[in-house]
Amino acid sequence: MAKPTMRYHLRLKEFAAQRDLEVEEEGSDLSIYSHCKRYRYAFARTWLAKGPVMLWVMINPGTGDTEKRRRPTLERCINFTRSWVSDPAGIMLANLFAVRTKKANGLRSIQDRDRVGQHNYDTLDLLSKIVKPKCTIFAWGNWGARYPLPVAVIRLFREPQCLGLAAKDQPCHPLPVPGKTTPVPYLL
């Protein structure tokens, strides 16, 4: 069976080529990295050629993709998407910060300007134009309260959703919420 080629894969590849970023494709996965792999700007997994695509915006990418480790957050995002959307075509992942760390608390030791990544805001802007309204899930957890970036990001998206609010009024990360959770509008 041929792998589905999605319009958004092509847009991501064009975006990467314009900025001299590295594109990696493996099966139905596509990732956009800096050449040094310190930053991952976007990830996409496609399983159907047509249908809605859900974008998840979280805190920062982990390192499990290149370390070939299990990726529980990715698995959880896929499971949620498939439980909410009839025949979804796939998912995309983006983050407030593009720097890759094993755990979100690794962000503490990185200077502000080095967390975001040179192309991250442009990536989020592109993705906000690709996805349909109500197809973006904000899910960065309480880490988003530590940094001023979320307000600028929120304004890019039309009718974003979330899994509820965490203790600091930030959108819940997908791992700690119950599997039957459904998205609700994220209101700034």
C-alpha atoms as a PDB file:
ATOM      1  CA  MET A   1       0.000   0.000   0.000  1.00  0.00           C
ATOM      2  CA  ALA A   2       1.351   3.436  -0.907  1.00  0.00           C
ATOM      3  CA  LYS A   3       1.888   5.827   1.961  1.00  0.00           C
ATOM      4  CA  PRO A   4      -0.620   8.660   2.069  1.00  0.00           C
ATOM      5  CA  THR A   5       0.780  11.952   0.843  1.00  0.00           C
ATOM      6  CA  MET A   6      -0.941  14.816   2.534  1.00  0.00           C
ATOM      7  CA  ARG A   7      -1.124  18.398   1.407  1.00  0.00           C
ATOM      8  CA  TYR A   8       0.311  19.419   4.768  1.00  0.00           C
ATOM      9  CA  HIS A   9       3.357  17.171   4.302  1.00  0.00           C
ATOM     10  CA  LEU A  10       4.101  19.054   1.099  1.00  0.00           C
ATOM     11  CA  ARG A  11       3.650  22.431   2.820  1.00  0.00           C
ATOM     12  CA  LEU A  12       6.001  21.365   5.624  1.00  0.00           C
ATOM     13  CA  LYS A  13       8.621  20.213   3.118  1.00  0.00           C
ATOM     14  CA  GLU A  14       8.397  23.513   1.235  1.00  0.00           C
ATOM     15  CA  PHE A  15       8.698  25.409   4.511  1.00  0.00           C
ATOM     16  CA  ALA A  16      11.787  23.382   5.474  1.00  0.00           C
ATOM     17  CA  ALA A  17      13.418  23.872   2.067  1.00  0.00           C
ATOM     18  CA  GLN A  18      12.925  27.649   2.240  1.00  0.00           C
ATOM     19  CA  ARG A  19      14.732  27.730   5.595  1.00  0.00           C
ATOM     20  CA  ASP A  20      17.372  25.081   4.904  1.00  0.00           C
ATOM     21  CA  LEU A  21      15.974  22.773   7.586  1.00  0.00           C
ATOM     22  CA  GLU A  22      16.320  19.009   7.643  1.00  0.00           C
ATOM     23  CA  VAL A  23      13.353  16.840   6.649  1.00  0.00           C
ATOM     24  CA  GLU A  24      13.234  13.239   7.815  1.00  0.00           C
ATOM     25  CA  GLU A  25      10.630  10.815   6.571  1.00  0.00           C
ATOM     26  CA  GLU A  26      10.174   7.323   7.913  1.00  0.00           C
ATOM     27  CA  GLY A  27       7.087   5.424   6.855  1.00  0.00           C
ATOM     28  CA  SER A  28       4.121   7.739   7.437  1.00  0.00           C
ATOM     29  CA  ASP A  29       6.100  10.063   9.748  1.00  0.00           C
ATOM     30  CA  LEU A  30       7.620  13.377   8.733  1.00  0.00           C
ATOM     31  CA  SER A  31       9.810  15.509  11.015  1.00  0.00           C
ATOM     32  CA  ILE A  32      11.368  18.928  10.494  1.00  0.00           C
ATOM     33  CA  TYR A  33      14.638  19.461  12.410  1.00  0.00           C
ATOM     34  CA  SER A  34      17.489  21.897  12.596  1.00  0.00           C
ATOM     35  CA  HIS A  35      20.592  20.318  11.026  1.00  0.00           C
ATOM     36  CA  CYS A  36      22.127  19.755  14.467  1.00  0.00           C
ATOM     37  CA  LYS A  37      18.874  18.048  15.640  1.00  0.00           C
ATOM     38  CA  ARG A  38      18.782  20.246  18.736  1.00  0.00           C
ATOM     39  CA  TYR A  39      15.424  21.606  17.536  1.00  0.00           C
ATOM     40  CA  ARG A  40      12.399  19.844  16.101  1.00  0.00           C
ATOM     41  CA  TYR A  41       9.952  22.288  14.573  1.00  0.00           C
ATOM     42  CA  ALA A  42       7.171  19.931  13.485  1.00  0.00           C
ATOM     43  CA  PHE A  43       6.180  16.288  13.383  1.00  0.00           C
ATOM     44  CA  ALA A  44       3.407  14.749  11.277  1.00  0.00           C
ATOM     45  CA  ARG A  45       2.016  11.227  11.127  1.00  0.00           C
ATOM     46  CA  THR A  46      -0.416  10.336   8.361  1.00  0.00           C
ATOM     47  CA  TRP A  47      -2.564   7.233   8.105  1.00  0.00           C
ATOM     48  CA  LEU A  48      -5.211   8.277   5.545  1.00  0.00           C
ATOM     49  CA  ALA A  49      -4.909  10.291   2.329  1.00  0.00           C
ATOM     50  CA  LYS A  50      -7.989  12.390   3.114  1.00  0.00           C
ATOM     51  CA  GLY A  51      -9.708  13.565   6.239  1.00  0.00           C
ATOM     52  CA  PRO A  52      -9.254  15.964   9.125  1.00  0.00           C
ATOM     53  CA  VAL A  53      -5.871  16.483  10.721  1.00  0.00           C
ATOM     54  CA  MET A  54      -5.498  17.328  14.415  1.00  0.00           C
ATOM     55  CA  LEU A  55      -2.665  19.631  15.507  1.00  0.00           C
ATOM     56  CA  TRP A  56      -1.339  19.274  19.051  1.00  0.00           C
ATOM     57  CA  VAL A  57       0.645  22.206  20.458  1.00  0.00           C
ATOM     58  CA  MET A  58       2.616  21.159  23.527  1.00  0.00           C
ATOM     59  CA  ILE A  59       5.592  22.467  25.529  1.00  0.00           C
ATOM     60  CA  ASN A  60       8.662  21.038  23.750  1.00  0.00           C
ATOM     61  CA  PRO A  61       9.666  17.954  21.773  1.00  0.00           C
ATOM     62  CA  GLY A  62      11.288  15.037  23.502  1.00  0.00           C
ATOM     63  CA  THR A  63      14.197  12.993  22.208  1.00  0.00           C
ATOM     64  CA  GLY A  64      12.447   9.628  21.900  1.00  0.00           C
ATOM     65  CA  ASP A  65      12.069   9.920  18.141  1.00  0.00           C
ATOM     66  CA  THR A  66      15.774   9.842  17.354  1.00  0.00           C
ATOM     67  CA  GLU A  67      16.566   7.562  20.298  1.00  0.00           C
ATOM     68  CA  LYS A  68      13.975   5.037  19.030  1.00  0.00           C
ATOM     69  CA  ARG A  69      12.260   4.957  22.431  1.00  0.00           C
ATOM     70  CA  ARG A  70       8.564   4.474  23.095  1.00  0.00           C
ATOM     71  CA  ARG A  71       6.726   7.780  22.817  1.00  0.00           C
ATOM     72  CA  PRO A  72       3.796   7.769  25.270  1.00  0.00           C
ATOM     73  CA  THR A  73       2.737  11.364  24.555  1.00  0.00           C
ATOM     74  CA  LEU A  74       2.530  10.689  20.805  1.00  0.00           C
ATOM     75  CA  GLU A  75       0.571   7.493  21.460  1.00  0.00           C
ATOM     76  CA  ARG A  76      -1.835   9.373  23.702  1.00  0.00           C
ATOM     77  CA  CYS A  77      -2.371  12.148  21.116  1.00  0.00           C
ATOM     78  CA  ILE A  78      -3.117   9.551  18.425  1.00  0.00           C
ATOM     79  CA  ASN A  79      -5.564   7.700  20.680  1.00  0.00           C
ATOM     80  CA  PHE A  80      -7.398  10.890  21.630  1.00  0.00           C
ATOM     81  CA  THR A  81      -7.571  12.033  17.998  1.00  0.00           C
ATOM     82  CA  ARG A  82      -8.969   8.700  16.829  1.00  0.00           C
ATOM     83  CA  SER A  83     -11.555   8.670  19.615  1.00  0.00           C
ATOM     84  CA  TRP A  84     -12.863  12.179  18.777  1.00  0.00           C
ATOM     85  CA  VAL A  85     -12.641  12.439  14.995  1.00  0.00           C
ATOM     86  CA  SER A  86     -14.376  10.263  12.441  1.00  0.00           C
ATOM     87  CA  ASP A  87     -11.755   8.961   9.993  1.00  0.00           C
ATOM     88  CA  PRO A  88      -8.916  11.356  10.860  1.00  0.00           C
ATOM     89  CA  ALA A  89      -6.126  11.529   8.286  1.00  0.00           C
ATOM     90  CA  GLY A  90      -3.413  12.063  10.877  1.00  0.00           C
ATOM     91  CA  ILE A  91      -1.885  14.333  13.459  1.00  0.00           C
ATOM     92  CA  MET A  92       0.730  17.022  13.613  1.00  0.00           C
ATOM     93  CA  LEU A  93       2.755  17.991  16.666  1.00  0.00           C
ATOM     94  CA  ALA A  94       4.283  21.397  17.335  1.00  0.00           C
ATOM     95  CA  ASN A  95       5.500  23.072  20.485  1.00  0.00           C
ATOM     96  CA  LEU A  96       5.875  26.391  22.256  1.00  0.00           C
ATOM     97  CA  PHE A  97       9.607  25.650  22.359  1.00  0.00           C
ATOM     98  CA  ALA A  98      11.408  23.709  19.639  1.00  0.00           C
ATOM     99  CA  VAL A  99      14.456  22.691  21.702  1.00  0.00           C
ATOM    100  CA  ARG A 100      14.455  18.945  22.355  1.00  0.00           C
ATOM    101  CA  THR A 101      14.881  17.629  25.911  1.00  0.00           C
ATOM    102  CA  LYS A 102      14.149  14.291  27.556  1.00  0.00           C
ATOM    103  CA  LYS A 103      11.810  15.973  30.076  1.00  0.00           C
ATOM    104  CA  ALA A 104      10.136  19.400  30.153  1.00  0.00           C
ATOM    105  CA  ASN A 105      12.103  20.331  33.287  1.00  0.00           C
ATOM    106  CA  GLY A 106      15.187  20.306  31.039  1.00  0.00           C
ATOM    107  CA  LEU A 107      13.952  23.689  29.776  1.00  0.00           C
ATOM    108  CA  ARG A 108      15.006  25.303  33.064  1.00  0.00           C
ATOM    109  CA  SER A 109      18.693  25.037  32.242  1.00  0.00           C
ATOM    110  CA  ILE A 110      18.324  26.540  28.755  1.00  0.00           C
ATOM    111  CA  GLN A 111      18.450  30.295  28.172  1.00  0.00           C
ATOM    112  CA  ASP A 112      15.233  31.945  26.960  1.00  0.00           C
ATOM    113  CA  ARG A 113      16.416  32.695  23.434  1.00  0.00           C
ATOM    114  CA  ASP A 114      17.680  29.120  22.990  1.00  0.00           C
ATOM    115  CA  ARG A 115      14.414  27.450  24.025  1.00  0.00           C
ATOM    116  CA  VAL A 116      12.238  28.669  21.185  1.00  0.00           C
ATOM    117  CA  GLY A 117      14.354  27.944  18.129  1.00  0.00           C
ATOM    118  CA  GLN A 118      14.957  30.304  15.229  1.00  0.00           C
ATOM    119  CA  HIS A 119      12.072  28.970  13.071  1.00  0.00           C
ATOM    120  CA  ASN A 120       9.503  27.949  15.672  1.00  0.00           C
ATOM    121  CA  TYR A 121       7.194  30.948  15.554  1.00  0.00           C
ATOM    122  CA  ASP A 122       7.107  30.740  11.730  1.00  0.00           C
ATOM    123  CA  THR A 123       6.318  27.021  12.001  1.00  0.00           C
ATOM    124  CA  LEU A 124       3.416  27.679  14.351  1.00  0.00           C
ATOM    125  CA  ASP A 125       2.170  30.427  12.036  1.00  0.00           C
ATOM    126  CA  LEU A 126       2.243  28.036   9.059  1.00  0.00           C
ATOM    127  CA  LEU A 127       0.473  25.265  10.982  1.00  0.00           C
ATOM    128  CA  SER A 128      -2.205  27.686  12.173  1.00  0.00           C
ATOM    129  CA  LYS A 129      -3.041  28.292   8.507  1.00  0.00           C
ATOM    130  CA  ILE A 130      -3.067  24.597   7.566  1.00  0.00           C
ATOM    131  CA  VAL A 131      -5.454  23.249  10.202  1.00  0.00           C
ATOM    132  CA  LYS A 132      -9.153  23.954  10.301  1.00  0.00           C
ATOM    133  CA  PRO A 133     -10.841  25.770  13.182  1.00  0.00           C
ATOM    134  CA  LYS A 134     -11.373  23.554  16.249  1.00  0.00           C
ATOM    135  CA  CYS A 135      -8.664  21.132  15.026  1.00  0.00           C
ATOM    136  CA  THR A 136      -5.914  22.504  17.261  1.00  0.00           C
ATOM    137  CA  ILE A 137      -5.423  21.133  20.766  1.00  0.00           C
ATOM    138  CA  PHE A 138      -3.347  23.237  23.156  1.00  0.00           C
ATOM    139  CA  ALA A 139      -1.702  20.840  25.617  1.00  0.00           C
ATOM    140  CA  TRP A 140       1.447  22.361  27.125  1.00  0.00           C
ATOM    141  CA  GLY A 141       0.586  21.929  30.801  1.00  0.00           C
ATOM    142  CA  ASN A 142       1.682  24.245  33.606  1.00  0.00           C
ATOM    143  CA  TRP A 143       5.107  24.782  32.020  1.00  0.00           C
ATOM    144  CA  GLY A 144       3.470  27.350  29.760  1.00  0.00           C
ATOM    145  CA  ALA A 145       2.847  29.638  32.751  1.00  0.00           C
ATOM    146  CA  ARG A 146       6.610  30.069  33.253  1.00  0.00           C
ATOM    147  CA  TYR A 147       7.212  31.845  29.953  1.00  0.00           C
ATOM    148  CA  PRO A 148       5.499  34.755  28.130  1.00  0.00           C
ATOM    149  CA  LEU A 149       5.339  33.022  24.736  1.00  0.00           C
ATOM    150  CA  PRO A 150       1.900  31.313  24.988  1.00  0.00           C
ATOM    151  CA  VAL A 151      -0.147  34.500  24.519  1.00  0.00           C
ATOM    152  CA  ALA A 152       1.561  35.239  21.184  1.00  0.00           C
ATOM    153  CA  VAL A 153       1.000  31.643  20.075  1.00  0.00           C
ATOM    154  CA  ILE A 154      -2.642  31.523  21.142  1.00  0.00           C
ATOM    155  CA  ARG A 155      -3.463  34.493  18.937  1.00  0.00           C
ATOM    156  CA  LEU A 156      -2.332  32.576  15.836  1.00  0.00           C
ATOM    157  CA  PHE A 157      -5.011  29.885  16.090  1.00  0.00           C
ATOM    158  CA  ARG A 158      -8.726  29.931  15.313  1.00  0.00           C
ATOM    159  CA  GLU A 159     -10.955  28.328  17.925  1.00  0.00           C
ATOM    160  CA  PRO A 160      -8.298  26.261  19.728  1.00  0.00           C
ATOM    161  CA  GLN A 161      -9.377  23.438  21.998  1.00  0.00           C
ATOM    162  CA  CYS A 162      -7.817  21.875  25.105  1.00  0.00           C
ATOM    163  CA  LEU A 163      -8.273  18.934  27.476  1.00  0.00           C
ATOM    164  CA  GLY A 164      -9.241  21.185  30.353  1.00  0.00           C
ATOM    165  CA  LEU A 165      -7.103  23.477  32.470  1.00  0.00           C
ATOM    166  CA  ALA A 166      -4.253  22.526  34.778  1.00  0.00           C
ATOM    167  CA  ALA A 167      -3.619  24.163  38.151  1.00  0.00           C
ATOM    168  CA  LYS A 168      -2.104  27.358  36.701  1.00  0.00           C
ATOM    169  CA  ASP A 169      -4.904  27.836  34.136  1.00  0.00           C
ATOM    170  CA  GLN A 170      -2.745  26.349  31.397  1.00  0.00           C
ATOM    171  CA  PRO A 171      -4.081  23.717  28.968  1.00  0.00           C
ATOM    172  CA  CYS A 172      -3.638  20.173  30.327  1.00  0.00           C
ATOM    173  CA  HIS A 173      -0.955  17.914  28.881  1.00  0.00           C
ATOM    174  CA  PRO A 174      -2.435  14.687  27.403  1.00  0.00           C
ATOM    175  CA  LEU A 175      -0.681  12.191  29.687  1.00  0.00           C
ATOM    176  CA  PRO A 176      -2.350  12.889  33.057  1.00  0.00           C
ATOM    177  CA  VAL A 177      -5.946  13.334  31.855  1.00  0.00           C
ATOM    178  CA  PRO A 178      -8.456  10.448  31.687  1.00  0.00           C
ATOM    179  CA  GLY A 179      -8.726   8.650  28.341  1.00  0.00           C
ATOM    180  CA  LYS A 180     -12.408   9.546  27.961  1.00  0.00           C
ATOM    181  CA  THR A 181     -11.672  13.299  28.090  1.00  0.00           C
ATOM    182  CA  THR A 182     -13.133  15.323  25.226  1.00  0.00           C
ATOM    183  CA  PRO A 183     -11.811  18.666  24.001  1.00  0.00           C
ATOM    184  CA  VAL A 184     -13.308  21.939  25.197  1.00  0.00           C
ATOM    185  CA  PRO A 185     -12.757  25.444  23.814  1.00  0.00           C
ATOM    186  CA  TYR A 186      -9.609  27.113  25.102  1.00  0.00           C
ATOM    187  CA  LEU A 187     -10.509  30.634  26.154  1.00  0.00           C
ATOM    188  CA  LEU A 188      -7.763  33.163  26.852  1.00  0.00           C
END
